[in-house]
Protein backbone atom coordinates (compact mmCIF):
# COMPACT_ATOMS: atom_id res chain seq x y z
CA MET A 1 76.25 75.45 279.39
CA LYS A 2 78.94 73.00 278.59
CA LYS A 3 76.32 70.62 277.35
CA GLY A 4 74.77 73.25 275.01
CA LYS A 5 78.18 74.13 273.68
CA SER A 6 79.04 70.52 273.00
CA VAL A 7 75.72 70.03 271.17
CA LYS A 8 76.54 73.01 268.95
CA VAL A 9 80.03 71.71 268.30
CA GLY A 10 78.57 68.27 267.58
CA ILE A 11 76.15 69.74 265.00
CA VAL A 12 78.94 71.69 263.30
CA VAL A 13 81.14 68.57 263.20
CA ALA A 14 78.24 66.52 261.79
CA LEU A 15 77.62 69.09 259.06
CA LEU A 16 81.30 69.13 258.14
CA VAL A 17 81.39 65.34 257.99
CA LEU A 18 78.28 65.28 255.80
CA GLY A 19 79.71 68.01 253.53
CA VAL A 20 83.01 66.20 253.17
CA GLY A 21 81.21 62.92 252.69
CA PHE A 22 79.10 64.27 249.84
CA ALA A 23 82.17 65.89 248.32
CA VAL A 24 83.97 62.59 248.37
CA ILE A 25 81.16 60.80 246.53
CA SER A 26 80.29 63.58 244.03
CA THR A 27 80.86 63.34 240.31
CA THR A 28 81.14 65.63 237.28
CA LEU A 29 79.47 65.08 233.94
CA ASN A 30 81.24 66.36 230.82
CA MET A 31 79.69 67.16 227.47
CA ASN A 32 81.58 67.40 224.20
CA GLY A 33 80.09 68.39 220.87
CA THR A 34 80.79 69.63 217.39
CA ALA A 35 79.12 72.57 215.68
CA ASN A 36 78.93 72.08 211.93
CA LEU A 37 78.82 75.20 209.77
CA LYS A 38 78.22 75.74 206.11
CA GLY A 39 77.68 79.00 204.30
CA ASN A 40 75.49 79.36 201.28
CA ALA A 41 77.50 81.55 198.91
CA SER A 42 75.40 80.56 195.90
CA GLU A 43 72.24 81.76 197.66
CA PHE A 44 73.91 85.09 198.44
CA ASN A 45 75.28 85.43 194.90
CA LYS A 46 71.90 84.95 193.28
CA SER A 47 70.08 87.35 195.62
CA ILE A 48 71.91 90.65 194.92
CA LEU A 49 70.50 91.90 191.62
CA PHE A 50 69.88 94.88 189.38
CA VAL A 51 66.25 96.03 189.55
CA LYS A 52 64.76 95.22 186.15
CA ASP A 53 61.05 96.07 186.47
CA GLY A 54 58.93 98.95 187.64
CA ALA A 55 59.78 102.56 188.43
CA LYS A 56 63.32 101.60 189.48
CA ALA A 57 64.15 99.64 186.32
CA ALA A 58 67.48 100.51 184.71
CA LYS A 59 67.34 103.20 181.99
CA ILE A 60 69.63 105.26 179.78
CA GLU A 61 69.30 108.94 178.94
CA ALA A 62 71.30 111.01 176.46
CA SER A 63 72.26 114.65 176.89
CA ILE A 64 70.68 115.26 173.48
CA PRO A 65 67.02 114.32 174.05
CA GLU A 66 66.24 113.00 170.57
CA LYS A 67 69.01 110.42 170.83
CA THR A 68 68.28 107.12 172.54
CA GLY A 69 70.27 104.17 173.74
CA THR A 70 69.30 100.80 175.13
CA VAL A 71 69.70 99.16 178.50
CA THR A 72 68.68 95.67 179.55
CA VAL A 73 69.05 93.55 182.64
CA SER A 74 69.75 89.86 182.11
CA GLU A 75 67.14 87.26 183.03
CA ASP A 76 69.04 86.32 186.19
CA GLY A 77 69.39 90.00 187.16
CA LYS A 78 73.18 89.81 187.51
CA THR A 79 74.19 91.68 184.33
CA LEU A 80 73.20 95.12 183.13
CA SER A 81 73.99 95.71 179.44
CA PHE A 82 73.75 99.05 177.73
CA GLU A 83 74.46 100.68 174.41
CA THR A 84 74.75 104.43 174.19
CA PRO A 85 73.38 106.40 171.29
CA ILE A 86 76.04 107.51 168.80
CA LEU A 87 78.08 110.17 170.55
CA ASP A 88 79.34 112.61 167.92
CA THR A 89 79.70 115.94 169.72
CA VAL A 90 82.42 116.61 172.28
CA ASN A 91 80.98 116.67 175.84
CA GLU A 92 77.87 114.77 174.74
CA THR A 93 76.86 112.19 177.37
CA ALA A 94 74.76 109.13 177.91
CA THR A 95 73.86 108.22 181.49
CA VAL A 96 72.77 104.81 182.73
CA THR A 97 70.66 104.93 185.90
CA TYR A 98 70.15 101.79 187.98
CA TYR A 99 69.06 100.44 191.37
CA ILE A 100 70.13 97.31 193.28
CA GLU A 101 67.94 94.91 195.24
CA ASN A 102 68.45 92.16 197.81
CA ARG A 103 66.11 89.17 197.52
CA GLY A 104 67.99 86.85 199.85
CA PRO A 105 68.21 85.93 203.53
CA TYR A 106 71.53 87.71 204.12
CA ASP A 107 72.17 91.40 204.77
CA ALA A 108 74.55 92.74 202.11
CA LYS A 109 77.11 95.52 201.95
CA LEU A 110 77.79 97.01 198.53
CA GLY A 111 81.33 97.85 197.47
CA GLU A 112 82.76 100.46 195.14
CA ILE A 113 81.91 100.13 191.45
CA LYS A 114 84.89 99.84 189.13
CA CYS A 115 84.64 100.42 185.37
CA ASP A 116 87.15 99.51 182.68
CA VAL A 117 87.17 100.89 179.15
CA THR A 118 88.82 98.73 176.51
CA GLY A 119 89.31 98.84 172.78
CA THR A 120 91.24 100.83 170.24
CA ASN A 121 89.02 103.90 170.61
CA SER A 122 88.97 104.14 174.38
CA GLU A 123 90.76 107.51 174.40
CA TYR A 124 87.63 109.17 172.96
CA ILE A 125 85.41 108.63 175.98
CA SER A 126 85.42 108.93 179.73
CA VAL A 127 83.36 106.79 182.08
CA ASN A 128 82.35 108.13 185.47
CA ALA A 129 80.60 105.73 187.81
CA ASP A 130 78.77 107.09 190.82
CA ILE A 131 80.20 105.65 194.04
CA ASN A 132 77.19 106.45 196.24
CA TYR A 133 76.56 102.73 196.90
CA LYS A 134 80.03 102.16 198.39
CA GLY A 135 79.49 100.83 201.92
CA LEU A 136 75.69 100.88 201.60
CA GLU A 137 73.99 98.05 203.47
CA LEU A 138 70.88 96.36 202.13
CA VAL A 139 68.98 94.33 204.69
CA ALA A 140 67.77 90.87 203.78
CA GLY A 141 64.67 90.67 201.63
CA THR A 142 62.58 88.00 199.95
CA GLU A 143 61.64 87.12 196.41
CA ALA A 144 58.18 88.63 196.97
CA ASN A 145 59.42 91.63 198.96
CA PRO A 146 63.00 92.56 197.99
CA THR A 147 64.91 95.35 199.71
CA GLN A 148 65.89 97.96 197.12
CA THR A 149 68.29 100.88 197.21
CA GLU A 150 66.42 104.11 197.81
CA GLU A 151 68.69 106.28 195.69
CA ALA A 152 69.70 105.60 192.11
CA SER A 153 73.28 105.21 191.01
CA THR A 154 74.65 106.15 187.60
CA ILE A 155 77.33 105.48 185.03
CA GLU A 156 78.02 108.43 182.73
CA VAL A 157 79.71 107.93 179.37
CA LYS A 158 81.06 111.14 177.82
CA LEU A 159 82.69 111.90 174.46
CA ILE A 160 85.83 113.81 175.41
CA LYS A 161 87.65 113.96 172.08
CA SER A 162 86.43 114.42 168.50
CA TYR A 163 86.24 111.20 166.55
CA ALA A 164 87.27 112.05 162.97
CA SER A 165 86.12 109.10 160.91
CA ASP A 166 83.15 108.21 158.75
CA GLU A 167 83.14 104.68 160.14
CA PRO A 168 81.25 104.13 163.39
CA ALA A 169 83.34 102.78 166.24
CA SER A 170 82.55 101.18 169.53
CA VAL A 171 84.25 101.04 172.89
CA GLU A 172 83.70 98.24 175.41
CA ILE A 173 82.85 99.27 178.96
CA THR A 174 82.87 96.74 181.79
CA CYS A 175 81.81 97.65 185.31
CA GLN A 176 81.71 95.51 188.44
CA LEU A 177 79.89 96.29 191.67
CA PRO A 178 80.98 93.91 194.45
CA ALA A 179 78.84 92.97 197.44
CA GLU A 180 79.59 91.02 200.60
CA VAL A 181 77.61 89.46 203.41
CA VAL A 182 77.22 91.63 206.51
CA ASN A 183 78.23 89.70 209.59
CA LYS A 184 76.34 90.86 212.64
């Protein structure tokens, strides 16, 4: 029995010696690296656009049906320009309806539209911009298959005060709709 016990002890000692021996001659390999990042802001900037063709193309409608205005989207899709019909009756309106599309590889989150009215006759009108796109996310799309907003958004221009002059006047309206990349 003593012999069997000493064999067992011998095996345990041998295993410990081998384990320690391998530990003494082991090594560690280290890896170092650099991850290079670069965004593509210009790609994002050129991919969020006003829809300019088809059923969702921008349009303008007056509260008096026989009056018409004009609306156009620039060639690059970044600027929507409109001209209301002549508003000459208090509470008369002209409403611009538009949609937004994403043709780029990044998901986008739309911000809140802000409109400014400038000029010497700005007190005669009010501008109400729909804020239904605020916080809306548009998933990435492609040139051939853009992602478009499902609901329209509007900018309403309203004559709020009588304009007592025989000379036509104009008021400049500038609106900005920001968008940012959605980080997932």
